[in-house]
């Protein structure tokens, strides 16, 4: 079984939270029993999360050896110049080593659902959107990459994993694939 889920902002990619102040989890969305997330999205990221009850499928979706491309729409603070985009494309050096080259382009603001809470914008600081494709998945990698080139991430939405697309799923909605 494979399920595509649009993970809302502020939801953990697990079914339980043992922290002192519990946070929303996948348990609140009526997902079938026995599935688990194939990969993760940070608490403050949104978008496509695949869930399965098949360990071999989860391995194929998440193991870097299978090089499943992941695509993100990323709102950044600042205006990306050619040097910043080139650095992201070539791969940047993070504290855990250099990243692989990424597929990066500047895009028009995508038609997305409103985020709750809204992204804090400053009238005197411009923002822009990037479409970033990766074939690796380090912890908070996209956020660290954009910060490394002077463009802090304001909003991050995963729109694809391999051939699987978010499509028209709204936050909190899921479907069988």
N, C-alpha and C. Protein backbone atom coordinates (compact mmCIF):
# COMPACT_ATOMS: atom_id res chain seq x y z
N UNK A 1 0.85 -1.17 0.00
CA UNK A 1 0.00 0.00 0.00
C UNK A 1 0.90 1.24 0.00
N UNK A 2 0.54 2.22 -0.79
CA UNK A 2 1.26 3.49 -0.84
C UNK A 2 0.25 4.62 -0.75
N UNK A 3 0.55 5.57 0.13
CA UNK A 3 -0.34 6.70 0.35
C UNK A 3 0.45 7.98 0.16
N UNK A 4 -0.14 8.93 -0.56
CA UNK A 4 0.41 10.28 -0.68
C UNK A 4 -0.38 11.17 0.27
N UNK A 5 0.34 11.92 1.09
CA UNK A 5 -0.26 12.77 2.11
C UNK A 5 0.33 14.16 1.99
N UNK A 6 -0.51 15.18 2.09
CA UNK A 6 -0.02 16.56 2.11
C UNK A 6 0.13 16.96 3.57
N UNK A 7 1.37 16.87 4.06
CA UNK A 7 1.65 17.17 5.46
C UNK A 7 1.54 18.68 5.70
N UNK A 8 0.68 19.07 6.61
CA UNK A 8 0.58 20.49 6.93
C UNK A 8 1.79 20.99 7.73
N UNK A 9 2.00 22.29 7.72
CA UNK A 9 2.98 22.94 8.58
C UNK A 9 2.65 22.61 10.03
N UNK A 10 3.67 22.35 10.84
CA UNK A 10 3.46 22.14 12.26
C UNK A 10 2.93 20.77 12.64
N UNK A 11 3.19 19.76 11.81
CA UNK A 11 2.78 18.39 12.11
C UNK A 11 4.03 17.51 12.07
N UNK A 12 4.17 16.64 13.07
CA UNK A 12 5.29 15.69 13.09
C UNK A 12 5.06 14.55 12.12
N UNK A 13 6.12 14.03 11.53
CA UNK A 13 6.04 12.90 10.59
C UNK A 13 6.08 11.57 11.33
N UNK A 14 5.35 11.48 12.41
CA UNK A 14 5.24 10.24 13.18
C UNK A 14 3.85 10.22 13.80
N UNK A 15 3.50 9.07 14.37
CA UNK A 15 2.15 8.91 14.89
C UNK A 15 2.02 9.23 16.37
N UNK A 16 3.14 9.36 17.08
CA UNK A 16 3.10 9.70 18.50
C UNK A 16 4.13 10.79 18.77
N UNK A 17 3.90 11.52 19.85
CA UNK A 17 4.85 12.55 20.30
C UNK A 17 4.95 12.43 21.81
N UNK A 18 6.14 12.12 22.27
CA UNK A 18 6.35 11.94 23.71
C UNK A 18 6.96 13.17 24.37
N UNK A 19 6.96 14.31 23.68
CA UNK A 19 7.55 15.51 24.27
C UNK A 19 6.64 16.04 25.38
N UNK A 20 7.21 16.91 26.20
CA UNK A 20 6.47 17.47 27.33
C UNK A 20 5.24 18.25 26.87
N UNK A 21 5.37 18.92 25.74
CA UNK A 21 4.24 19.64 25.15
C UNK A 21 3.90 18.96 23.83
N UNK A 22 2.93 18.03 23.85
CA UNK A 22 2.62 17.27 22.62
C UNK A 22 2.27 18.18 21.44
N UNK A 23 2.72 17.75 20.27
CA UNK A 23 2.47 18.47 19.02
C UNK A 23 1.60 17.59 18.12
N UNK A 24 0.97 18.19 17.13
CA UNK A 24 0.15 17.40 16.20
C UNK A 24 1.01 16.36 15.48
N UNK A 25 0.43 15.18 15.27
CA UNK A 25 1.12 14.08 14.60
C UNK A 25 0.25 13.54 13.46
N UNK A 26 0.78 12.55 12.76
CA UNK A 26 0.03 11.90 11.68
C UNK A 26 -1.22 11.19 12.18
N UNK A 27 -1.27 10.88 13.47
CA UNK A 27 -2.42 10.16 14.03
C UNK A 27 -3.72 10.93 13.88
N UNK A 28 -3.67 12.23 13.69
CA UNK A 28 -4.88 13.03 13.62
C UNK A 28 -5.51 13.15 12.24
N UNK A 29 -5.06 12.32 11.27
CA UNK A 29 -5.54 12.52 9.90
C UNK A 29 -6.25 11.31 9.30
N UNK A 30 -6.63 10.33 10.13
CA UNK A 30 -7.42 9.20 9.66
C UNK A 30 -6.70 8.28 8.69
N UNK A 31 -5.39 8.21 8.79
CA UNK A 31 -4.62 7.32 7.90
C UNK A 31 -4.85 5.87 8.29
N UNK A 32 -4.73 4.94 7.33
CA UNK A 32 -4.95 3.53 7.64
C UNK A 32 -3.94 3.01 8.67
N UNK A 33 -4.36 2.02 9.43
CA UNK A 33 -3.46 1.40 10.41
C UNK A 33 -2.32 0.68 9.70
N UNK A 34 -1.18 0.65 10.34
CA UNK A 34 -0.05 -0.13 9.84
C UNK A 34 0.85 0.58 8.85
N UNK A 35 0.56 1.83 8.50
CA UNK A 35 1.45 2.55 7.58
C UNK A 35 2.42 3.41 8.39
N UNK A 36 3.53 3.73 7.77
CA UNK A 36 4.51 4.61 8.38
C UNK A 36 5.14 5.45 7.29
N UNK A 37 5.73 6.56 7.69
CA UNK A 37 6.31 7.49 6.73
C UNK A 37 7.56 6.90 6.09
N UNK A 38 7.63 6.99 4.77
CA UNK A 38 8.82 6.60 4.00
C UNK A 38 9.60 7.89 3.80
N UNK A 39 10.47 8.22 4.75
CA UNK A 39 11.18 9.49 4.73
C UNK A 39 10.53 10.45 5.70
N UNK A 40 11.05 11.65 5.74
CA UNK A 40 10.56 12.63 6.70
C UNK A 40 10.44 14.00 6.06
N UNK A 41 9.66 14.83 6.69
CA UNK A 41 9.61 16.27 6.43
C UNK A 41 9.68 16.93 7.79
N UNK A 42 10.45 17.98 7.90
CA UNK A 42 10.57 18.68 9.17
C UNK A 42 9.21 19.18 9.66
N UNK A 43 9.11 19.40 10.95
CA UNK A 43 7.92 19.93 11.59
C UNK A 43 7.45 21.21 10.91
N UNK A 44 8.41 22.05 10.49
CA UNK A 44 8.08 23.34 9.89
C UNK A 44 8.12 23.34 8.37
N UNK A 45 8.09 22.15 7.76
CA UNK A 45 7.99 22.01 6.31
C UNK A 45 6.64 21.42 5.96
N UNK A 46 6.25 21.58 4.71
CA UNK A 46 4.92 21.14 4.26
C UNK A 46 5.06 20.28 3.02
N UNK A 47 3.97 19.65 2.63
CA UNK A 47 3.91 19.01 1.33
C UNK A 47 3.93 17.50 1.35
N UNK A 48 4.39 16.94 0.23
CA UNK A 48 4.27 15.52 -0.05
C UNK A 48 5.05 14.66 0.93
N UNK A 49 4.33 13.75 1.57
CA UNK A 49 4.90 12.71 2.41
C UNK A 49 4.30 11.40 1.93
N UNK A 50 5.15 10.42 1.66
CA UNK A 50 4.65 9.11 1.25
C UNK A 50 4.64 8.19 2.47
N UNK A 51 3.57 7.42 2.59
CA UNK A 51 3.44 6.45 3.69
C UNK A 51 3.17 5.08 3.08
N UNK A 52 3.68 4.05 3.74
CA UNK A 52 3.51 2.70 3.22
C UNK A 52 3.52 1.70 4.36
N UNK A 53 3.04 0.49 4.06
CA UNK A 53 3.16 -0.64 4.99
C UNK A 53 4.16 -1.66 4.45
N UNK A 54 4.89 -1.29 3.40
CA UNK A 54 5.81 -2.17 2.69
C UNK A 54 7.25 -1.71 2.93
N UNK A 55 8.00 -2.47 3.73
CA UNK A 55 9.37 -2.09 4.06
C UNK A 55 10.29 -2.00 2.85
N UNK A 56 10.15 -2.92 1.89
CA UNK A 56 11.00 -2.88 0.69
C UNK A 56 10.70 -1.63 -0.14
N UNK A 57 9.43 -1.26 -0.25
CA UNK A 57 9.07 -0.05 -0.98
C UNK A 57 9.61 1.19 -0.26
N UNK A 58 9.48 1.22 1.05
CA UNK A 58 10.01 2.35 1.82
C UNK A 58 11.51 2.48 1.58
N UNK A 59 12.21 1.37 1.54
CA UNK A 59 13.66 1.39 1.30
C UNK A 59 13.96 1.97 -0.09
N UNK A 60 13.22 1.53 -1.11
CA UNK A 60 13.44 2.05 -2.47
C UNK A 60 13.16 3.55 -2.56
N UNK A 61 12.20 4.02 -1.79
CA UNK A 61 11.84 5.44 -1.83
C UNK A 61 12.83 6.31 -1.07
N UNK A 62 13.48 5.76 -0.05
CA UNK A 62 14.29 6.61 0.83
C UNK A 62 15.79 6.38 0.75
N UNK A 63 16.23 5.22 0.32
CA UNK A 63 17.66 4.92 0.32
C UNK A 63 18.37 5.76 -0.74
N UNK A 64 19.42 6.51 -0.34
CA UNK A 64 20.14 7.34 -1.31
C UNK A 64 20.70 6.56 -2.50
N UNK A 65 20.92 5.26 -2.34
CA UNK A 65 21.44 4.45 -3.45
C UNK A 65 20.46 4.41 -4.62
N UNK A 66 19.18 4.61 -4.34
CA UNK A 66 18.15 4.59 -5.40
C UNK A 66 17.95 5.96 -6.03
N UNK A 67 18.56 6.99 -5.44
CA UNK A 67 18.58 8.35 -6.01
C UNK A 67 17.21 8.87 -6.46
N UNK A 68 16.21 8.70 -5.59
CA UNK A 68 14.89 9.25 -5.89
C UNK A 68 14.96 10.78 -5.80
N UNK A 69 14.67 11.45 -6.89
CA UNK A 69 14.70 12.92 -6.89
C UNK A 69 13.57 13.45 -6.01
N UNK A 70 13.86 14.48 -5.27
CA UNK A 70 12.86 15.18 -4.47
C UNK A 70 12.85 16.63 -4.93
N UNK A 71 11.65 17.17 -5.10
CA UNK A 71 11.52 18.54 -5.61
C UNK A 71 10.79 19.38 -4.58
N UNK A 72 11.30 20.60 -4.37
CA UNK A 72 10.78 21.52 -3.37
C UNK A 72 10.53 22.89 -3.98
N UNK A 73 9.47 23.54 -3.52
CA UNK A 73 9.27 24.95 -3.78
C UNK A 73 9.65 25.66 -2.50
N UNK A 74 10.58 26.60 -2.61
CA UNK A 74 11.18 27.21 -1.42
C UNK A 74 11.08 28.72 -1.51
N UNK A 75 10.39 29.31 -0.54
CA UNK A 75 10.34 30.76 -0.44
C UNK A 75 11.53 31.19 0.41
N UNK A 76 12.33 32.09 -0.14
CA UNK A 76 13.53 32.55 0.56
C UNK A 76 13.47 34.04 0.81
N UNK A 77 14.16 34.46 1.85
CA UNK A 77 14.28 35.88 2.15
C UNK A 77 15.44 36.44 1.35
N UNK A 78 15.18 37.48 0.60
CA UNK A 78 16.20 38.08 -0.25
C UNK A 78 15.93 37.78 -1.71
N UNK A 79 16.74 38.39 -2.57
CA UNK A 79 16.61 38.18 -4.01
C UNK A 79 17.81 37.36 -4.49
N UNK A 80 17.57 36.15 -4.99
CA UNK A 80 18.68 35.33 -5.45
C UNK A 80 19.35 35.95 -6.67
N UNK A 81 20.66 36.07 -6.64
CA UNK A 81 21.39 36.54 -7.80
C UNK A 81 22.00 35.33 -8.52
N UNK A 82 22.63 35.58 -9.64
CA UNK A 82 23.19 34.49 -10.45
C UNK A 82 24.22 33.69 -9.67
N UNK A 83 25.01 34.36 -8.83
CA UNK A 83 26.04 33.66 -8.06
C UNK A 83 25.42 32.70 -7.05
N UNK A 84 24.35 33.11 -6.37
CA UNK A 84 23.70 32.24 -5.39
C UNK A 84 23.08 31.03 -6.07
N UNK A 85 22.40 31.25 -7.19
CA UNK A 85 21.79 30.14 -7.93
C UNK A 85 22.87 29.20 -8.44
N UNK A 86 23.96 29.74 -8.97
CA UNK A 86 25.07 28.90 -9.46
C UNK A 86 25.67 28.08 -8.33
N UNK A 87 25.82 28.68 -7.15
CA UNK A 87 26.38 27.95 -6.01
C UNK A 87 25.48 26.79 -5.62
N UNK A 88 24.17 27.02 -5.59
CA UNK A 88 23.23 25.94 -5.26
C UNK A 88 23.29 24.84 -6.32
N UNK A 89 23.37 25.23 -7.58
CA UNK A 89 23.44 24.25 -8.66
C UNK A 89 24.71 23.41 -8.60
N UNK A 90 25.83 24.06 -8.24
CA UNK A 90 27.11 23.35 -8.19
C UNK A 90 27.26 22.50 -6.94
N UNK A 91 26.52 22.82 -5.89
CA UNK A 91 26.66 22.16 -4.60
C UNK A 91 27.40 23.08 -3.66
N UNK A 92 26.89 23.21 -2.46
CA UNK A 92 27.52 24.08 -1.46
C UNK A 92 28.12 23.21 -0.36
N UNK A 93 29.08 23.76 0.35
CA UNK A 93 29.69 23.03 1.45
C UNK A 93 28.96 23.37 2.74
N UNK A 94 28.45 22.34 3.39
CA UNK A 94 27.77 22.49 4.68
C UNK A 94 28.69 21.95 5.77
N UNK A 95 28.27 22.05 7.01
CA UNK A 95 29.13 21.58 8.10
C UNK A 95 29.35 20.06 8.06
N UNK A 96 28.51 19.32 7.34
CA UNK A 96 28.70 17.87 7.20
C UNK A 96 29.22 17.50 5.81
N UNK A 97 29.81 18.47 5.11
CA UNK A 97 30.44 18.20 3.82
C UNK A 97 29.70 18.83 2.66
N UNK A 98 30.27 18.68 1.46
CA UNK A 98 29.64 19.29 0.27
C UNK A 98 28.38 18.54 -0.15
N UNK A 99 27.43 19.31 -0.67
CA UNK A 99 26.21 18.70 -1.20
C UNK A 99 26.45 18.33 -2.66
N UNK A 100 25.64 17.45 -3.15
CA UNK A 100 25.67 17.15 -4.58
C UNK A 100 25.07 18.33 -5.33
N UNK A 101 25.39 18.46 -6.61
CA UNK A 101 24.74 19.52 -7.39
C UNK A 101 23.22 19.38 -7.35
N UNK A 102 22.54 20.51 -7.40
CA UNK A 102 21.08 20.54 -7.33
C UNK A 102 20.53 21.17 -8.61
N UNK A 103 19.29 20.81 -8.93
CA UNK A 103 18.57 21.43 -10.02
C UNK A 103 17.84 22.62 -9.41
N UNK A 104 18.21 23.85 -9.79
CA UNK A 104 17.66 25.04 -9.15
C UNK A 104 17.24 26.06 -10.20
N UNK A 105 16.06 26.63 -9.99
CA UNK A 105 15.65 27.74 -10.84
C UNK A 105 14.75 28.66 -10.04
N UNK A 106 14.76 29.92 -10.42
CA UNK A 106 13.88 30.90 -9.80
C UNK A 106 12.51 30.77 -10.47
N UNK A 107 11.44 30.77 -9.65
CA UNK A 107 10.08 30.63 -10.19
C UNK A 107 9.20 31.76 -9.67
N UNK A 108 8.09 31.95 -10.35
CA UNK A 108 7.06 32.88 -9.87
C UNK A 108 6.43 32.28 -8.61
N UNK A 109 5.89 33.10 -7.73
CA UNK A 109 5.23 32.54 -6.54
C UNK A 109 4.16 31.53 -6.95
N UNK A 110 4.26 30.29 -6.45
CA UNK A 110 3.29 29.26 -6.84
C UNK A 110 1.93 29.49 -6.17
N UNK A 111 0.91 28.94 -6.79
CA UNK A 111 -0.45 29.02 -6.23
C UNK A 111 -0.56 27.95 -5.15
N UNK A 112 -0.37 28.35 -3.91
CA UNK A 112 -0.43 27.43 -2.77
C UNK A 112 -1.52 27.85 -1.81
N UNK A 113 -1.88 26.96 -0.94
CA UNK A 113 -2.81 27.22 0.14
C UNK A 113 -2.16 28.20 1.12
N UNK A 114 -2.97 28.96 1.86
CA UNK A 114 -2.39 29.83 2.89
C UNK A 114 -1.77 28.97 4.00
N UNK A 115 -0.67 29.43 4.53
CA UNK A 115 -0.04 28.69 5.63
C UNK A 115 -0.51 29.26 6.95
N UNK A 116 -0.76 28.37 7.91
CA UNK A 116 -1.15 28.78 9.26
C UNK A 116 -0.10 28.31 10.23
N UNK A 117 0.58 29.20 10.93
CA UNK A 117 0.48 30.65 10.82
C UNK A 117 1.15 31.14 9.55
N UNK A 118 0.77 32.33 9.09
CA UNK A 118 1.38 32.86 7.86
C UNK A 118 2.88 33.10 8.03
N UNK A 119 3.59 33.08 6.92
CA UNK A 119 5.01 33.41 6.92
C UNK A 119 5.15 34.87 7.30
N UNK A 120 6.09 35.16 8.20
CA UNK A 120 6.34 36.55 8.60
C UNK A 120 7.14 37.23 7.49
N UNK A 121 6.55 38.23 6.89
CA UNK A 121 7.22 38.97 5.83
C UNK A 121 7.53 40.38 6.32
N UNK A 122 8.64 40.91 5.84
CA UNK A 122 9.03 42.28 6.17
C UNK A 122 8.93 43.12 4.91
N UNK A 123 8.28 44.26 5.03
CA UNK A 123 8.05 45.12 3.86
C UNK A 123 9.34 45.61 3.23
N UNK A 124 10.40 45.73 4.02
CA UNK A 124 11.65 46.26 3.50
C UNK A 124 12.60 45.18 2.98
N UNK A 125 12.23 43.92 3.16
CA UNK A 125 13.10 42.82 2.72
C UNK A 125 12.35 42.01 1.66
N UNK A 126 12.88 41.94 0.44
CA UNK A 126 12.19 41.18 -0.61
C UNK A 126 12.29 39.68 -0.35
N UNK A 127 11.43 38.93 -1.00
CA UNK A 127 11.51 37.48 -0.95
C UNK A 127 11.34 36.94 -2.37
N UNK A 128 11.68 35.69 -2.56
CA UNK A 128 11.61 35.05 -3.88
C UNK A 128 11.33 33.57 -3.68
N UNK A 129 10.96 32.90 -4.78
CA UNK A 129 10.70 31.46 -4.76
C UNK A 129 11.70 30.74 -5.65
N UNK A 130 12.17 29.61 -5.15
CA UNK A 130 13.07 28.74 -5.90
C UNK A 130 12.41 27.38 -6.05
N UNK A 131 12.67 26.73 -7.18
CA UNK A 131 12.30 25.34 -7.40
C UNK A 131 13.62 24.57 -7.30
N UNK A 132 13.73 23.69 -6.31
CA UNK A 132 14.98 22.98 -6.04
C UNK A 132 14.74 21.48 -6.12
N UNK A 133 15.55 20.81 -6.93
CA UNK A 133 15.51 19.35 -7.03
C UNK A 133 16.79 18.75 -6.48
N UNK A 134 16.65 17.76 -5.59
CA UNK A 134 17.80 17.11 -4.96
C UNK A 134 17.73 15.60 -5.17
N UNK A 135 18.88 14.95 -5.09
CA UNK A 135 18.93 13.49 -5.12
C UNK A 135 19.64 12.96 -3.87
N UNK A 136 19.60 13.74 -2.83
CA UNK A 136 20.10 13.31 -1.52
C UNK A 136 19.16 13.89 -0.48
N UNK A 137 19.28 13.49 0.75
CA UNK A 137 18.32 13.97 1.74
C UNK A 137 18.91 14.07 3.13
N UNK A 138 19.78 15.03 3.32
CA UNK A 138 20.34 15.24 4.65
C UNK A 138 19.35 16.01 5.52
N UNK A 139 19.60 15.97 6.81
CA UNK A 139 18.75 16.67 7.75
C UNK A 139 18.71 18.17 7.45
N UNK A 140 17.52 18.70 7.23
CA UNK A 140 17.27 20.12 6.96
C UNK A 140 18.15 20.66 5.83
N UNK A 141 18.42 19.82 4.85
CA UNK A 141 19.38 20.15 3.79
C UNK A 141 19.00 21.39 3.00
N UNK A 142 17.77 21.48 2.52
CA UNK A 142 17.39 22.63 1.70
C UNK A 142 17.54 23.92 2.50
N UNK A 143 17.09 23.93 3.73
CA UNK A 143 17.21 25.12 4.58
C UNK A 143 18.68 25.50 4.79
N UNK A 144 19.52 24.51 5.01
CA UNK A 144 20.94 24.80 5.23
C UNK A 144 21.61 25.27 3.94
N UNK A 145 21.20 24.72 2.80
CA UNK A 145 21.78 25.15 1.52
C UNK A 145 21.42 26.60 1.21
N UNK A 146 20.15 26.96 1.36
CA UNK A 146 19.78 28.34 1.04
C UNK A 146 20.42 29.31 2.02
N UNK A 147 20.52 28.93 3.28
CA UNK A 147 21.19 29.80 4.26
C UNK A 147 22.66 29.98 3.91
N UNK A 148 23.30 28.93 3.39
CA UNK A 148 24.72 29.00 3.05
C UNK A 148 25.01 30.02 1.94
N UNK A 149 24.00 30.31 1.11
CA UNK A 149 24.19 31.30 0.05
C UNK A 149 23.50 32.63 0.39
N UNK A 150 23.16 32.81 1.67
CA UNK A 150 22.61 34.08 2.12
C UNK A 150 21.14 34.28 1.86
N UNK A 151 20.40 33.18 1.68
CA UNK A 151 18.96 33.26 1.39
C UNK A 151 18.20 32.37 2.38
N UNK A 152 17.92 32.86 3.59
CA UNK A 152 17.23 32.02 4.57
C UNK A 152 15.86 31.56 4.05
N UNK A 153 15.52 30.31 4.34
CA UNK A 153 14.23 29.75 3.93
C UNK A 153 13.12 30.28 4.82
N UNK A 154 12.05 30.76 4.18
CA UNK A 154 10.86 31.20 4.89
C UNK A 154 9.77 30.13 4.88
N UNK A 155 9.65 29.44 3.76
CA UNK A 155 8.62 28.41 3.59
C UNK A 155 9.18 27.34 2.67
N UNK A 156 8.92 26.07 3.02
CA UNK A 156 9.43 24.96 2.23
C UNK A 156 8.30 23.96 2.00
N UNK A 157 8.02 23.68 0.72
CA UNK A 157 6.94 22.76 0.35
C UNK A 157 7.51 21.70 -0.58
N UNK A 158 7.46 20.42 -0.16
CA UNK A 158 7.91 19.35 -1.05
C UNK A 158 6.76 19.03 -1.99
N UNK A 159 7.05 19.05 -3.31
CA UNK A 159 6.00 18.84 -4.30
C UNK A 159 6.15 17.52 -5.06
N UNK A 160 7.29 16.84 -4.91
CA UNK A 160 7.47 15.56 -5.63
C UNK A 160 8.55 14.72 -4.97
N UNK A 161 8.35 13.41 -5.06
CA UNK A 161 9.35 12.40 -4.70
C UNK A 161 9.35 11.40 -5.85
N UNK A 162 10.43 11.36 -6.61
CA UNK A 162 10.47 10.49 -7.78
C UNK A 162 9.31 10.84 -8.71
N UNK A 163 8.55 9.82 -9.11
CA UNK A 163 7.42 10.03 -10.01
C UNK A 163 6.15 10.46 -9.28
N UNK A 164 6.18 10.51 -7.97
CA UNK A 164 4.99 10.85 -7.18
C UNK A 164 4.92 12.35 -6.99
N UNK A 165 3.77 12.94 -7.35
CA UNK A 165 3.55 14.37 -7.26
C UNK A 165 2.49 14.68 -6.21
N UNK A 166 2.61 15.86 -5.61
CA UNK A 166 1.62 16.30 -4.63
C UNK A 166 0.27 16.50 -5.29
N UNK A 167 0.27 17.04 -6.48
CA UNK A 167 -0.98 17.24 -7.21
C UNK A 167 -1.90 18.20 -6.49
N UNK A 168 -3.19 17.89 -6.48
CA UNK A 168 -4.20 18.78 -5.92
C UNK A 168 -4.52 18.52 -4.45
N UNK A 169 -3.74 17.65 -3.79
CA UNK A 169 -4.01 17.38 -2.38
C UNK A 169 -3.86 18.65 -1.55
N UNK A 170 -4.83 18.93 -0.73
CA UNK A 170 -4.79 20.07 0.18
C UNK A 170 -4.13 19.62 1.49
N UNK A 171 -3.65 20.55 2.32
CA UNK A 171 -3.04 20.16 3.59
C UNK A 171 -3.96 19.25 4.40
N UNK A 172 -3.40 18.14 4.87
CA UNK A 172 -4.15 17.17 5.66
C UNK A 172 -4.87 16.12 4.84
N UNK A 173 -4.94 16.27 3.52
CA UNK A 173 -5.60 15.29 2.67
C UNK A 173 -4.61 14.20 2.25
N UNK A 174 -5.14 13.00 1.99
CA UNK A 174 -4.32 11.90 1.51
C UNK A 174 -5.10 11.06 0.53
N UNK A 175 -4.37 10.27 -0.24
CA UNK A 175 -4.99 9.36 -1.21
C UNK A 175 -4.09 8.16 -1.43
N UNK A 176 -4.72 7.04 -1.84
CA UNK A 176 -3.95 5.85 -2.20
C UNK A 176 -3.31 6.07 -3.56
N UNK A 177 -2.12 5.55 -3.74
CA UNK A 177 -1.43 5.62 -5.03
C UNK A 177 -1.20 4.21 -5.55
